[in-house]
């Protein structure tokens, strides 16, 4: 998906439209959010390639309006059980421990929006679930 304003860049959507996306986009715009985490299975499900260092994308808000451009500065596939505190803090959501980060993300991945999207109400993550830990910088 591309936007008319940035026709050559893919769209970056944090979470589903609504209050969570709005908070995450605000954190990107303020510079507090410089990392994000997705599940590897989501890339496999959608057929999207993993992000690569140097990739740029257009961040959109809950109304699908382009609000920023970010550039990937790091990507690693990691077990959820191996996510570190630096990554958790850099997600810009105020996490002060990996346990708090994990609880917040499990709430998302075990929540109705995500479970409905993957069409698997019984899905659960665990320490061995593979995640894509991405770092980025705001470029515009």
N, C-alpha and C. Protein backbone atom coordinates (compact mmCIF):
# COMPACT_ATOMS: atom_id res chain seq x y z
N UNK A 1 0.84 -1.16 0.00
CA UNK A 1 0.00 0.00 0.00
C UNK A 1 0.89 1.24 0.00
N UNK A 2 0.59 2.22 -0.84
CA UNK A 2 1.34 3.46 -0.87
C UNK A 2 0.38 4.62 -0.67
N UNK A 3 0.91 5.76 -0.38
CA UNK A 3 0.08 6.94 -0.23
C UNK A 3 0.35 7.87 -1.40
N UNK A 4 -0.62 8.70 -1.78
CA UNK A 4 -0.41 9.61 -2.90
C UNK A 4 0.75 10.57 -2.66
N UNK A 5 0.99 10.97 -1.41
CA UNK A 5 2.04 11.94 -1.12
C UNK A 5 3.43 11.32 -1.23
N UNK A 6 3.55 10.06 -0.98
CA UNK A 6 4.82 9.35 -1.03
C UNK A 6 4.64 8.08 -1.85
N UNK A 7 4.43 8.22 -3.15
CA UNK A 7 4.04 7.06 -3.95
C UNK A 7 5.08 5.94 -4.02
N UNK A 8 6.35 6.26 -3.73
CA UNK A 8 7.38 5.24 -3.83
C UNK A 8 7.69 4.54 -2.51
N UNK A 9 7.01 4.93 -1.44
CA UNK A 9 7.29 4.35 -0.13
C UNK A 9 6.12 3.52 0.36
N UNK A 10 6.43 2.38 0.99
CA UNK A 10 5.35 1.58 1.60
C UNK A 10 4.82 2.27 2.85
N UNK A 11 3.66 1.84 3.26
CA UNK A 11 3.02 2.38 4.45
C UNK A 11 3.44 1.59 5.68
N UNK A 12 3.65 2.30 6.78
CA UNK A 12 3.93 1.69 8.07
C UNK A 12 2.75 1.97 8.99
N UNK A 13 2.10 0.91 9.44
CA UNK A 13 0.96 1.04 10.34
C UNK A 13 1.31 0.42 11.68
N UNK A 14 1.32 1.23 12.72
CA UNK A 14 1.56 0.72 14.07
C UNK A 14 0.23 0.30 14.65
N UNK A 15 0.11 -0.97 15.02
CA UNK A 15 -1.11 -1.52 15.62
C UNK A 15 -2.29 -1.34 14.67
N UNK A 16 -3.49 -1.50 15.22
CA UNK A 16 -4.72 -1.30 14.45
C UNK A 16 -5.18 0.14 14.67
N UNK A 17 -5.96 0.70 13.74
CA UNK A 17 -6.44 2.07 13.94
C UNK A 17 -7.17 2.20 15.28
N UNK A 18 -6.94 3.32 15.96
CA UNK A 18 -7.58 3.56 17.24
C UNK A 18 -6.61 4.14 18.25
N UNK A 19 -6.98 4.12 19.51
CA UNK A 19 -6.17 4.78 20.54
C UNK A 19 -4.73 4.27 20.63
N UNK A 20 -4.50 2.97 20.49
CA UNK A 20 -3.14 2.47 20.58
C UNK A 20 -2.30 3.02 19.43
N UNK A 21 -2.82 2.96 18.21
CA UNK A 21 -2.06 3.51 17.08
C UNK A 21 -1.78 5.00 17.31
N UNK A 22 -2.76 5.72 17.79
CA UNK A 22 -2.57 7.14 18.01
C UNK A 22 -1.45 7.41 19.01
N UNK A 23 -1.38 6.61 20.09
CA UNK A 23 -0.31 6.77 21.08
C UNK A 23 1.05 6.42 20.46
N UNK A 24 1.10 5.35 19.68
CA UNK A 24 2.36 4.94 19.07
C UNK A 24 2.85 5.96 18.05
N UNK A 25 1.96 6.49 17.24
CA UNK A 25 2.34 7.50 16.26
C UNK A 25 2.84 8.75 16.98
N UNK A 26 2.17 9.15 18.05
CA UNK A 26 2.63 10.31 18.83
C UNK A 26 4.02 10.07 19.38
N UNK A 27 4.29 8.85 19.82
CA UNK A 27 5.62 8.52 20.35
C UNK A 27 6.68 8.55 19.25
N UNK A 28 6.33 8.12 18.04
CA UNK A 28 7.26 8.23 16.90
C UNK A 28 7.55 9.70 16.63
N UNK A 29 6.51 10.51 16.56
CA UNK A 29 6.67 11.93 16.23
C UNK A 29 7.47 12.68 17.28
N UNK A 30 7.34 12.26 18.55
CA UNK A 30 8.08 12.93 19.63
C UNK A 30 9.53 12.46 19.71
N UNK A 31 9.85 11.36 19.03
CA UNK A 31 11.19 10.78 19.10
C UNK A 31 11.35 9.76 20.21
N UNK A 32 10.29 9.53 21.00
CA UNK A 32 10.37 8.56 22.09
C UNK A 32 10.38 7.12 21.57
N UNK A 33 9.73 6.87 20.46
CA UNK A 33 9.63 5.52 19.90
C UNK A 33 10.62 5.37 18.75
N UNK A 34 11.62 4.51 18.97
CA UNK A 34 12.62 4.25 17.94
C UNK A 34 12.78 2.75 17.68
N UNK A 35 11.82 1.97 18.18
CA UNK A 35 11.85 0.52 17.99
C UNK A 35 10.42 0.00 17.97
N UNK A 36 10.26 -1.15 17.36
CA UNK A 36 8.96 -1.80 17.32
C UNK A 36 9.18 -3.30 17.19
N UNK A 37 8.16 -4.06 17.50
CA UNK A 37 8.25 -5.51 17.44
C UNK A 37 7.01 -6.07 16.77
N UNK A 38 7.22 -6.94 15.81
CA UNK A 38 6.14 -7.67 15.17
C UNK A 38 6.45 -9.15 15.23
N UNK A 39 5.47 -9.96 14.98
CA UNK A 39 5.71 -11.40 14.97
C UNK A 39 6.15 -11.84 13.58
N UNK A 40 7.11 -12.74 13.53
CA UNK A 40 7.59 -13.26 12.25
C UNK A 40 6.44 -13.87 11.47
N UNK A 41 5.52 -14.52 12.15
CA UNK A 41 4.40 -15.16 11.46
C UNK A 41 3.55 -14.16 10.68
N UNK A 42 3.53 -12.90 11.10
CA UNK A 42 2.75 -11.91 10.37
C UNK A 42 3.35 -11.61 9.01
N UNK A 43 4.67 -11.57 8.94
CA UNK A 43 5.34 -11.38 7.65
C UNK A 43 5.08 -12.58 6.75
N UNK A 44 5.14 -13.77 7.33
CA UNK A 44 4.88 -14.98 6.56
C UNK A 44 3.44 -15.01 6.07
N UNK A 45 2.52 -14.59 6.91
CA UNK A 45 1.09 -14.59 6.57
C UNK A 45 0.79 -13.64 5.42
N UNK A 46 1.39 -12.45 5.46
CA UNK A 46 1.08 -11.43 4.45
C UNK A 46 1.99 -11.51 3.23
N UNK A 47 3.08 -12.27 3.33
CA UNK A 47 4.02 -12.35 2.23
C UNK A 47 4.93 -11.14 2.11
N UNK A 48 4.91 -10.28 3.11
CA UNK A 48 5.78 -9.11 3.10
C UNK A 48 7.20 -9.53 3.43
N UNK A 49 8.19 -8.93 2.76
CA UNK A 49 9.57 -9.21 3.14
C UNK A 49 9.89 -8.57 4.48
N UNK A 50 10.85 -9.13 5.18
CA UNK A 50 11.30 -8.51 6.42
C UNK A 50 11.90 -7.16 6.11
N UNK A 51 11.78 -6.21 7.03
CA UNK A 51 12.42 -4.92 6.80
C UNK A 51 13.93 -5.10 6.72
N UNK A 52 14.58 -4.18 6.05
CA UNK A 52 16.03 -4.21 5.91
C UNK A 52 16.57 -2.82 6.26
N UNK A 53 17.78 -2.79 6.77
CA UNK A 53 18.42 -1.52 7.10
C UNK A 53 18.41 -0.62 5.87
N UNK A 54 17.97 0.61 6.08
CA UNK A 54 17.89 1.58 5.00
C UNK A 54 16.50 1.71 4.40
N UNK A 55 15.63 0.71 4.63
CA UNK A 55 14.26 0.82 4.13
C UNK A 55 13.59 2.03 4.75
N UNK A 56 12.80 2.73 3.95
CA UNK A 56 12.01 3.85 4.45
C UNK A 56 10.53 3.54 4.24
N UNK A 57 9.71 4.06 5.14
CA UNK A 57 8.27 3.90 5.01
C UNK A 57 7.55 5.11 5.58
N UNK A 58 6.31 5.25 5.16
CA UNK A 58 5.47 6.35 5.59
C UNK A 58 4.59 5.88 6.75
N UNK A 59 4.72 6.52 7.89
CA UNK A 59 3.89 6.22 9.04
C UNK A 59 2.54 6.89 8.82
N UNK A 60 1.46 6.12 9.03
CA UNK A 60 0.12 6.68 8.90
C UNK A 60 -0.59 6.65 10.24
N UNK A 61 -1.49 7.60 10.43
CA UNK A 61 -2.26 7.65 11.65
C UNK A 61 -3.53 6.82 11.52
N UNK A 62 -4.41 6.90 12.49
CA UNK A 62 -5.63 6.07 12.48
C UNK A 62 -6.57 6.40 11.34
N UNK A 63 -6.43 7.59 10.76
CA UNK A 63 -7.26 7.97 9.62
C UNK A 63 -6.55 7.69 8.30
N UNK A 64 -5.43 6.95 8.36
CA UNK A 64 -4.63 6.58 7.19
C UNK A 64 -3.95 7.78 6.53
N UNK A 65 -3.78 8.87 7.29
CA UNK A 65 -3.07 10.05 6.78
C UNK A 65 -1.58 9.87 7.01
N UNK A 66 -0.75 10.20 6.03
CA UNK A 66 0.71 10.14 6.23
C UNK A 66 1.14 11.23 7.21
N UNK A 67 1.95 10.82 8.20
CA UNK A 67 2.37 11.79 9.22
C UNK A 67 3.88 11.87 9.39
N UNK A 68 4.61 10.88 8.89
CA UNK A 68 6.06 10.87 9.07
C UNK A 68 6.68 9.85 8.13
N UNK A 69 7.99 9.99 7.97
CA UNK A 69 8.77 8.98 7.25
C UNK A 69 9.82 8.46 8.23
N UNK A 70 9.95 7.14 8.30
CA UNK A 70 10.97 6.53 9.14
C UNK A 70 11.90 5.69 8.28
N UNK A 71 13.11 5.47 8.81
CA UNK A 71 14.12 4.66 8.13
C UNK A 71 14.59 3.58 9.08
N UNK A 72 14.62 2.35 8.61
CA UNK A 72 15.07 1.22 9.41
C UNK A 72 16.57 1.32 9.66
N UNK A 73 16.97 1.17 10.93
CA UNK A 73 18.38 1.22 11.29
C UNK A 73 18.89 -0.12 11.82
N UNK A 74 17.99 -1.04 12.08
CA UNK A 74 18.39 -2.36 12.56
C UNK A 74 17.21 -3.32 12.56
N UNK A 75 17.50 -4.58 12.27
CA UNK A 75 16.47 -5.62 12.27
C UNK A 75 17.10 -6.91 12.76
N UNK A 76 16.39 -7.58 13.63
CA UNK A 76 16.83 -8.91 14.04
C UNK A 76 15.61 -9.77 14.34
N UNK A 77 15.73 -11.04 14.01
CA UNK A 77 14.70 -12.00 14.38
C UNK A 77 15.15 -12.62 15.69
N UNK A 78 14.27 -12.58 16.67
CA UNK A 78 14.64 -12.98 18.03
C UNK A 78 13.47 -13.70 18.69
N UNK A 79 13.79 -14.63 19.56
CA UNK A 79 12.74 -15.26 20.38
C UNK A 79 12.17 -14.19 21.31
N UNK A 80 10.88 -14.25 21.59
CA UNK A 80 10.30 -13.29 22.52
C UNK A 80 11.01 -13.34 23.86
N UNK A 81 11.43 -14.53 24.27
CA UNK A 81 12.13 -14.70 25.53
C UNK A 81 13.50 -14.04 25.56
N UNK A 82 13.99 -13.58 24.39
CA UNK A 82 15.31 -12.95 24.32
C UNK A 82 15.27 -11.45 24.08
N UNK A 83 14.09 -10.86 24.07
CA UNK A 83 13.99 -9.41 23.90
C UNK A 83 14.62 -8.75 25.12
N UNK A 84 15.46 -7.74 24.88
CA UNK A 84 16.20 -7.11 25.99
C UNK A 84 15.55 -5.79 26.42
N UNK A 85 16.02 -5.30 27.56
CA UNK A 85 15.44 -4.09 28.15
C UNK A 85 15.65 -2.87 27.26
N UNK A 86 16.79 -2.76 26.59
CA UNK A 86 17.01 -1.61 25.71
C UNK A 86 15.94 -1.56 24.62
N UNK A 87 15.65 -2.70 24.03
CA UNK A 87 14.61 -2.72 22.98
C UNK A 87 13.26 -2.35 23.59
N UNK A 88 12.94 -2.93 24.72
CA UNK A 88 11.66 -2.64 25.37
C UNK A 88 11.52 -1.14 25.65
N UNK A 89 12.54 -0.53 26.18
CA UNK A 89 12.50 0.91 26.48
C UNK A 89 12.37 1.74 25.21
N UNK A 90 13.08 1.33 24.16
CA UNK A 90 13.09 2.10 22.92
C UNK A 90 11.77 2.03 22.16
N UNK A 91 10.86 1.17 22.61
CA UNK A 91 9.54 1.15 21.98
C UNK A 91 8.72 2.38 22.35
N UNK A 92 9.20 3.16 23.33
CA UNK A 92 8.61 4.45 23.63
C UNK A 92 7.26 4.41 24.31
N UNK A 93 6.94 3.28 24.94
CA UNK A 93 5.65 3.17 25.60
C UNK A 93 5.78 3.20 27.12
N UNK A 94 6.95 3.57 27.60
CA UNK A 94 7.14 3.71 29.03
C UNK A 94 7.48 2.43 29.77
N UNK A 95 7.89 1.40 29.06
CA UNK A 95 8.23 0.14 29.72
C UNK A 95 9.51 0.31 30.51
N UNK A 96 9.48 -0.13 31.79
CA UNK A 96 10.67 -0.06 32.63
C UNK A 96 11.24 -1.44 32.93
N UNK A 97 10.64 -2.46 32.32
CA UNK A 97 11.15 -3.82 32.47
C UNK A 97 10.72 -4.64 31.26
N UNK A 98 11.45 -5.71 31.03
CA UNK A 98 11.08 -6.61 29.94
C UNK A 98 9.73 -7.27 30.26
N UNK A 99 9.48 -7.55 31.53
CA UNK A 99 8.20 -8.17 31.92
C UNK A 99 7.03 -7.25 31.57
N UNK A 100 7.17 -5.95 31.82
CA UNK A 100 6.11 -5.01 31.47
C UNK A 100 5.92 -4.94 29.96
N UNK A 101 7.04 -4.91 29.22
CA UNK A 101 6.97 -4.92 27.75
C UNK A 101 6.23 -6.17 27.27
N UNK A 102 6.60 -7.30 27.84
CA UNK A 102 6.00 -8.57 27.42
C UNK A 102 4.50 -8.57 27.72
N UNK A 103 4.11 -8.12 28.90
CA UNK A 103 2.69 -8.09 29.26
C UNK A 103 1.91 -7.20 28.30
N UNK A 104 2.46 -6.04 27.97
CA UNK A 104 1.79 -5.14 27.04
C UNK A 104 1.63 -5.76 25.66
N UNK A 105 2.67 -6.41 25.19
CA UNK A 105 2.60 -7.02 23.86
C UNK A 105 1.72 -8.27 23.84
N UNK A 106 1.76 -9.04 24.90
CA UNK A 106 0.85 -10.19 24.96
C UNK A 106 -0.60 -9.72 24.96
N UNK A 107 -0.88 -8.61 25.65
CA UNK A 107 -2.23 -8.07 25.62
C UNK A 107 -2.68 -7.74 24.20
N UNK A 108 -1.76 -7.24 23.40
CA UNK A 108 -2.06 -6.93 22.00
C UNK A 108 -2.23 -8.21 21.19
N UNK A 109 -1.25 -9.12 21.27
CA UNK A 109 -1.29 -10.34 20.45
C UNK A 109 -2.36 -11.31 20.90
N UNK A 110 -2.83 -11.21 22.12
CA UNK A 110 -3.89 -12.08 22.60
C UNK A 110 -5.25 -11.36 22.59
N UNK A 111 -5.25 -10.13 22.10
CA UNK A 111 -6.47 -9.32 22.08
C UNK A 111 -7.36 -9.61 20.88
N UNK A 112 -8.59 -9.14 20.94
CA UNK A 112 -9.58 -9.46 19.89
C UNK A 112 -9.21 -8.96 18.50
N UNK A 113 -8.58 -7.79 18.39
CA UNK A 113 -8.23 -7.29 17.05
C UNK A 113 -7.22 -8.21 16.38
N UNK A 114 -6.15 -8.54 17.09
CA UNK A 114 -5.12 -9.38 16.51
C UNK A 114 -5.64 -10.80 16.26
N UNK A 115 -6.31 -11.37 17.25
CA UNK A 115 -6.81 -12.74 17.09
C UNK A 115 -7.83 -12.82 15.96
N UNK A 116 -8.63 -11.78 15.79
CA UNK A 116 -9.57 -11.75 14.67
C UNK A 116 -8.85 -11.64 13.34
N UNK A 117 -7.78 -10.85 13.31
CA UNK A 117 -7.02 -10.67 12.08
C UNK A 117 -6.37 -11.98 11.64
N UNK A 118 -5.82 -12.75 12.60
CA UNK A 118 -5.19 -14.02 12.22
C UNK A 118 -6.20 -15.16 12.17
N UNK A 119 -7.43 -14.90 12.60
CA UNK A 119 -8.51 -15.90 12.59
C UNK A 119 -8.14 -17.15 13.39
N UNK A 120 -7.60 -16.90 14.59
CA UNK A 120 -7.21 -18.00 15.46
C UNK A 120 -7.40 -17.57 16.92
N UNK A 121 -8.63 -17.75 17.45
CA UNK A 121 -8.92 -17.27 18.79
C UNK A 121 -8.11 -17.95 19.90
N UNK A 122 -7.51 -19.07 19.61
CA UNK A 122 -6.73 -19.78 20.62
C UNK A 122 -5.24 -19.49 20.57
N UNK A 123 -4.81 -18.59 19.67
CA UNK A 123 -3.38 -18.31 19.52
C UNK A 123 -2.79 -17.70 20.79
N UNK A 124 -1.59 -18.16 21.14
CA UNK A 124 -0.85 -17.60 22.27
C UNK A 124 0.63 -17.56 21.91
N UNK A 125 1.31 -16.51 22.36
CA UNK A 125 2.76 -16.45 22.20
C UNK A 125 3.41 -17.08 23.41
N UNK A 126 4.69 -17.47 23.24
CA UNK A 126 5.49 -17.97 24.37
C UNK A 126 6.93 -17.53 24.14
N UNK A 127 7.82 -17.95 25.01
CA UNK A 127 9.22 -17.52 24.91
C UNK A 127 9.86 -17.87 23.57
N UNK A 128 9.40 -18.94 22.93
CA UNK A 128 10.00 -19.38 21.68
C UNK A 128 9.36 -18.78 20.42
N UNK A 129 8.31 -17.99 20.58
CA UNK A 129 7.70 -17.34 19.44
C UNK A 129 8.71 -16.37 18.82
N UNK A 130 8.87 -16.45 17.51
CA UNK A 130 9.84 -15.59 16.83
C UNK A 130 9.24 -14.23 16.51
N UNK A 131 10.02 -13.20 16.84
CA UNK A 131 9.60 -11.83 16.62
C UNK A 131 10.62 -11.11 15.76
N UNK A 132 10.17 -10.05 15.12
CA UNK A 132 11.04 -9.18 14.34
C UNK A 132 11.21 -7.90 15.15
N UNK A 133 12.39 -7.72 15.70
CA UNK A 133 12.71 -6.54 16.49
C UNK A 133 13.37 -5.53 15.56
N UNK A 134 12.68 -4.43 15.39
CA UNK A 134 13.11 -3.43 14.40
C UNK A 134 13.45 -2.12 15.10
N UNK A 135 14.50 -1.50 14.63
CA UNK A 135 14.88 -0.16 15.10
C UNK A 135 14.77 0.78 13.91
N UNK A 136 14.42 2.03 14.21
CA UNK A 136 14.25 2.99 13.14
C UNK A 136 14.54 4.40 13.65
N UNK A 137 14.65 5.30 12.70
CA UNK A 137 14.81 6.71 13.05
C UNK A 137 13.82 7.53 12.23
N UNK A 138 13.40 8.61 12.80
CA UNK A 138 12.50 9.54 12.14
C UNK A 138 13.31 10.39 11.16
N UNK A 139 12.89 10.40 9.89
CA UNK A 139 13.63 11.18 8.89
C UNK A 139 12.79 12.28 8.26
N UNK A 140 11.53 12.30 8.52
CA UNK A 140 10.70 13.36 7.93
C UNK A 140 9.28 13.29 8.33
